[in-house]
C-alpha atoms as a PDB file:
ATOM      1  CA  SER A   1       6.700  28.390  -8.420  1.00  0.00           C
ATOM      2  CA  MET A   2       8.579  25.070  -8.489  1.00  0.00           C
ATOM      3  CA  THR A   3      11.726  26.607 -10.030  1.00  0.00           C
ATOM      4  CA  SER A   4      12.053  29.391  -7.432  1.00  0.00           C
ATOM      5  CA  MET A   5      11.575  26.774  -4.651  1.00  0.00           C
ATOM      6  CA  LYS A   6      14.352  24.623  -6.170  1.00  0.00           C
ATOM      7  CA  CYS A   7      16.543  27.673  -6.591  1.00  0.00           C
ATOM      8  CA  LEU A   8      16.101  28.638  -2.924  1.00  0.00           C
ATOM      9  CA  ALA A   9      16.699  25.054  -1.784  1.00  0.00           C
ATOM     10  CA  LEU A  10      19.939  24.811  -3.777  1.00  0.00           C
ATOM     11  CA  GLN A  11      21.093  28.216  -2.482  1.00  0.00           C
ATOM     12  CA  LEU A  12      20.451  26.956   1.051  1.00  0.00           C
ATOM     13  CA  VAL A  13      22.498  23.805   0.357  1.00  0.00           C
ATOM     14  CA  GLY A  14      25.352  25.966  -0.964  1.00  0.00           C
ATOM     15  CA  ALA A  15      25.196  28.404   1.942  1.00  0.00           C
ATOM     16  CA  LYS A  16      25.215  25.547   4.494  1.00  0.00           C
ATOM     17  CA  SER A  17      28.219  24.023   2.771  1.00  0.00           C
ATOM     18  CA  LYS A  18      30.053  27.384   2.900  1.00  0.00           C
ATOM     19  CA  LYS A  19      29.027  27.777   6.556  1.00  0.00           C
ATOM     20  CA  GLY A  20      30.559  24.375   7.299  1.00  0.00           C
ATOM     21  CA  GLU A  21      33.818  25.391   5.619  1.00  0.00           C
ATOM     22  CA  ILE A  22      33.863  28.727   7.468  1.00  0.00           C
ATOM     23  CA  GLU A  23      33.187  27.035  10.838  1.00  0.00           C
ATOM     24  CA  LYS A  24      36.031  24.576  10.137  1.00  0.00           C
ATOM     25  CA  THR A  25      38.371  27.483   9.332  1.00  0.00           C
ATOM     26  CA  ILE A  26      37.279  29.331  12.503  1.00  0.00           C
ATOM     27  CA  ARG A  27      38.018  26.253  14.651  1.00  0.00           C
ATOM     28  CA  LYS A  28      41.440  25.808  12.983  1.00  0.00           C
ATOM     29  CA  LEU A  29      42.426  29.490  13.394  1.00  0.00           C
ATOM     30  CA  ASN A  30      41.162  29.476  16.984  1.00  0.00           C
ATOM     31  CA  ARG A  31      43.364  26.453  17.806  1.00  0.00           C
ATOM     32  CA  GLU A  32      46.383  27.984  16.061  1.00  0.00           C
ATOM     33  CA  LEU A  33      45.934  31.328  17.854  1.00  0.00           C
ATOM     34  CA  LEU A  34      45.609  29.611  21.248  1.00  0.00           C
ATOM     35  CA  ASP A  35      48.810  27.685  20.475  1.00  0.00           C
ATOM     36  CA  THR A  36      50.884  30.832  19.865  1.00  0.00           C
ATOM     37  CA  GLU A  37      53.467  31.804  22.483  1.00  0.00           C
ATOM     38  CA  GLU A  38      51.825  35.205  23.059  1.00  0.00           C
ATOM     39  CA  VAL A  39      48.319  33.865  23.667  1.00  0.00           C
ATOM     40  CA  SER A  40      49.640  30.978  25.783  1.00  0.00           C
ATOM     41  CA  ALA A  41      51.259  33.632  27.986  1.00  0.00           C
ATOM     42  CA  ILE A  42      47.932  35.493  28.360  1.00  0.00           C
ATOM     43  CA  LEU A  43      46.242  32.193  29.302  1.00  0.00           C
ATOM     44  CA  ALA A  44      48.897  31.026  31.775  1.00  0.00           C
ATOM     45  CA  PRO A  45      47.712  32.988  34.870  1.00  0.00           C
ATOM     46  CA  ILE A  46      44.096  31.754  34.515  1.00  0.00           C
ATOM     47  CA  HIS A  47      44.997  28.200  33.565  1.00  0.00           C
ATOM     48  CA  ASN A  48      44.083  26.688  36.936  1.00  0.00           C
ATOM     49  CA  GLU A  49      41.209  28.829  38.190  1.00  0.00           C
ATOM     50  CA  GLY A  50      39.528  29.944  34.948  1.00  0.00           C
ATOM     51  CA  GLY A  51      38.146  33.402  34.208  1.00  0.00           C
ATOM     52  CA  GLU A  52      39.196  35.883  31.520  1.00  0.00           C
ATOM     53  CA  ARG A  53      42.212  38.081  30.730  1.00  0.00           C
ATOM     54  CA  THR A  54      42.928  40.704  28.097  1.00  0.00           C
ATOM     55  CA  ASP A  55      46.283  41.672  26.624  1.00  0.00           C
ATOM     56  CA  SER A  56      47.222  43.429  23.343  1.00  0.00           C
ATOM     57  CA  GLY A  57      43.534  43.611  22.379  1.00  0.00           C
ATOM     58  CA  ILE A  58      42.954  39.866  22.744  1.00  0.00           C
ATOM     59  CA  THR A  59      40.625  38.616  25.466  1.00  0.00           C
ATOM     60  CA  VAL A  60      40.917  34.950  26.357  1.00  0.00           C
ATOM     61  CA  GLU A  61      38.514  33.003  28.522  1.00  0.00           C
ATOM     62  CA  ILE A  62      38.432  29.720  30.386  1.00  0.00           C
ATOM     63  CA  LYS A  63      34.825  29.062  31.378  1.00  0.00           C
ATOM     64  CA  ARG A  64      34.088  27.868  34.903  1.00  0.00           C
ATOM     65  CA  ASP A  65      31.280  25.440  35.665  1.00  0.00           C
ATOM     66  CA  HIS A  66      30.447  24.747  39.288  1.00  0.00           C
ATOM     67  CA  ILE A  67      29.711  21.073  39.832  1.00  0.00           C
ATOM     68  CA  TRP A  68      28.090  19.881  43.051  1.00  0.00           C
ATOM     69  CA  ASP A  69      28.208  16.182  43.877  1.00  0.00           C
ATOM     70  CA  GLN A  70      24.554  15.319  44.532  1.00  0.00           C
ATOM     71  CA  VAL A  71      25.353  12.242  46.657  1.00  0.00           C
ATOM     72  CA  ILE A  72      27.601  14.240  49.013  1.00  0.00           C
ATOM     73  CA  LEU A  73      25.039  17.071  49.134  1.00  0.00           C
ATOM     74  CA  ASP A  74      22.347  14.534  50.071  1.00  0.00           C
ATOM     75  CA  GLU A  75      24.441  13.334  52.999  1.00  0.00           C
ATOM     76  CA  VAL A  76      25.190  16.878  54.217  1.00  0.00           C
ATOM     77  CA  VAL A  77      21.587  18.051  53.848  1.00  0.00           C
ATOM     78  CA  GLU A  78      20.107  14.947  55.512  1.00  0.00           C
ATOM     79  CA  SER A  79      22.193  15.689  58.615  1.00  0.00           C
ATOM     80  CA  ILE A  80      20.437  19.077  59.047  1.00  0.00           C
ATOM     81  CA  PRO A  81      16.740  19.552  59.945  1.00  0.00           C
ATOM     82  CA  LYS A  82      14.960  21.202  56.979  1.00  0.00           C
ATOM     83  CA  GLN A  83      14.062  24.350  58.960  1.00  0.00           C
ATOM     84  CA  ASP A  84      17.782  24.873  59.707  1.00  0.00           C
ATOM     85  CA  TRP A  85      18.985  24.609  56.082  1.00  0.00           C
ATOM     86  CA  PRO A  86      21.215  27.545  55.071  1.00  0.00           C
ATOM     87  CA  SER A  87      19.580  30.005  52.647  1.00  0.00           C
ATOM     88  CA  PHE A  88      21.850  28.995  49.746  1.00  0.00           C
ATOM     89  CA  ILE A  89      20.379  25.486  49.541  1.00  0.00           C
ATOM     90  CA  THR A  90      17.020  24.632  47.979  1.00  0.00           C
ATOM     91  CA  GLN A  91      15.584  21.294  46.956  1.00  0.00           C
ATOM     92  CA  GLN A  92      14.136  20.792  43.505  1.00  0.00           C
ATOM     93  CA  THR A  93      12.024  17.841  42.504  1.00  0.00           C
ATOM     94  CA  THR A  94      11.307  17.216  38.854  1.00  0.00           C
ATOM     95  CA  TYR A  95       8.760  14.648  37.786  1.00  0.00           C
ATOM     96  CA  LYS A  96       9.522  12.762  34.589  1.00  0.00           C
ATOM     97  CA  VAL A  97       6.695  11.210  32.584  1.00  0.00           C
ATOM     98  CA  ASP A  98       7.292   8.348  30.157  1.00  0.00           C
ATOM     99  CA  MET A  99       5.002   9.332  27.271  1.00  0.00           C
ATOM    100  CA  ARG A 100       4.600   5.814  25.856  1.00  0.00           C
ATOM    101  CA  SER A 101       3.555   4.288  29.201  1.00  0.00           C
ATOM    102  CA  PHE A 102       1.316   7.273  29.919  1.00  0.00           C
ATOM    103  CA  LYS A 103      -0.575   6.778  26.642  1.00  0.00           C
ATOM    104  CA  ASP A 104      -1.205   3.128  27.544  1.00  0.00           C
ATOM    105  CA  TYR A 105      -2.350   4.146  31.051  1.00  0.00           C
ATOM    106  CA  ALA A 106      -4.652   6.860  29.667  1.00  0.00           C
ATOM    107  CA  LEU A 107      -6.318   4.392  27.293  1.00  0.00           C
ATOM    108  CA  ALA A 108      -6.804   1.876  30.088  1.00  0.00           C
ATOM    109  CA  HIS A 109      -7.977   4.449  32.703  1.00  0.00           C
ATOM    110  CA  PRO A 110      -9.766   7.267  30.836  1.00  0.00           C
ATOM    111  CA  ALA A 111     -11.460   8.616  33.990  1.00  0.00           C
ATOM    112  CA  GLU A 112      -8.229   9.027  35.979  1.00  0.00           C
ATOM    113  CA  ALA A 113      -6.262  10.245  32.948  1.00  0.00           C
ATOM    114  CA  LYS A 114      -7.952  13.669  32.827  1.00  0.00           C
ATOM    115  CA  LYS A 115      -6.094  15.126  35.837  1.00  0.00           C
ATOM    116  CA  TRP A 116      -2.787  13.954  34.310  1.00  0.00           C
ATOM    117  CA  HIS A 117      -3.680  15.398  30.901  1.00  0.00           C
ATOM    118  CA  ASP A 118      -4.263  18.771  32.596  1.00  0.00           C
ATOM    119  CA  ALA A 119      -0.573  18.850  33.549  1.00  0.00           C
ATOM    120  CA  HIS A 120       0.577  18.158  29.987  1.00  0.00           C
ATOM    121  CA  SER A 121       1.332  20.542  27.143  1.00  0.00           C
ATOM    122  CA  ILE A 122       3.547  20.510  24.066  1.00  0.00           C
ATOM    123  CA  LYS A 123       6.026  23.233  23.195  1.00  0.00           C
ATOM    124  CA  LEU A 124       6.858  23.367  19.496  1.00  0.00           C
ATOM    125  CA  GLY A 125      10.223  24.530  18.205  1.00  0.00           C
ATOM    126  CA  ASP A 126      10.702  26.984  15.349  1.00  0.00           C
ATOM    127  CA  PRO A 127      10.168  25.513  11.873  1.00  0.00           C
ATOM    128  CA  LYS A 128      13.361  24.761   9.965  1.00  0.00           C
ATOM    129  CA  VAL A 129      14.393  22.938   6.802  1.00  0.00           C
ATOM    130  CA  LYS A 130      15.846  19.658   8.073  1.00  0.00           C
ATOM    131  CA  THR A 131      17.544  18.299   4.953  1.00  0.00           C
ATOM    132  CA  ILE A 132      17.749  18.935   1.228  1.00  0.00           C
ATOM    133  CA  ASN A 133      18.687  16.204  -1.206  1.00  0.00           C
ATOM    134  CA  ALA A 134      20.218  18.334  -3.976  1.00  0.00           C
ATOM    135  CA  GLU A 135      20.670  15.403  -6.379  1.00  0.00           C
ATOM    136  CA  LYS A 136      17.027  14.375  -6.097  1.00  0.00           C
ATOM    137  CA  LEU A 137      15.897  17.983  -6.414  1.00  0.00           C
ATOM    138  CA  LEU A 138      17.876  18.465  -9.620  1.00  0.00           C
ATOM    139  CA  LYS A 139      16.682  15.105 -11.012  1.00  0.00           C
ATOM    140  CA  GLU A 140      13.032  16.253 -10.644  1.00  0.00           C
ATOM    141  CA  GLU A 141      13.783  18.855 -13.349  1.00  0.00           C
ATOM    142  CA  ASP A 142      14.472  16.247 -16.035  1.00  0.00           C
END
């Protein structure tokens, strides 16, 4: 019924608002904890190289992301014949398709478009409620 839908929608609005407040509190407490002398001391040894450390039941972490400069890699790789590439290096090519231009092309060249269409599919995400206008929802009751 309409009333149970409105009730659920308003509960969702309230829960999201509480979630926002809780996330804000979590971020604040996280910052404050990291700023304490004790936790700063746990962090100190991993400050430059990253990793994780545990002390007094608290585990801290500094994530490490490996970044490879693609331009430099190109230069290094181009200096080696492909059959002599070390096993740790592989080349990936990704084709990007501009959907708007493709649609125009497909309309103009229906015969050639089929083979391109065969390569195309759409992956849908999970359904979710995007927004709820609580004021408007409550006004509908009047």
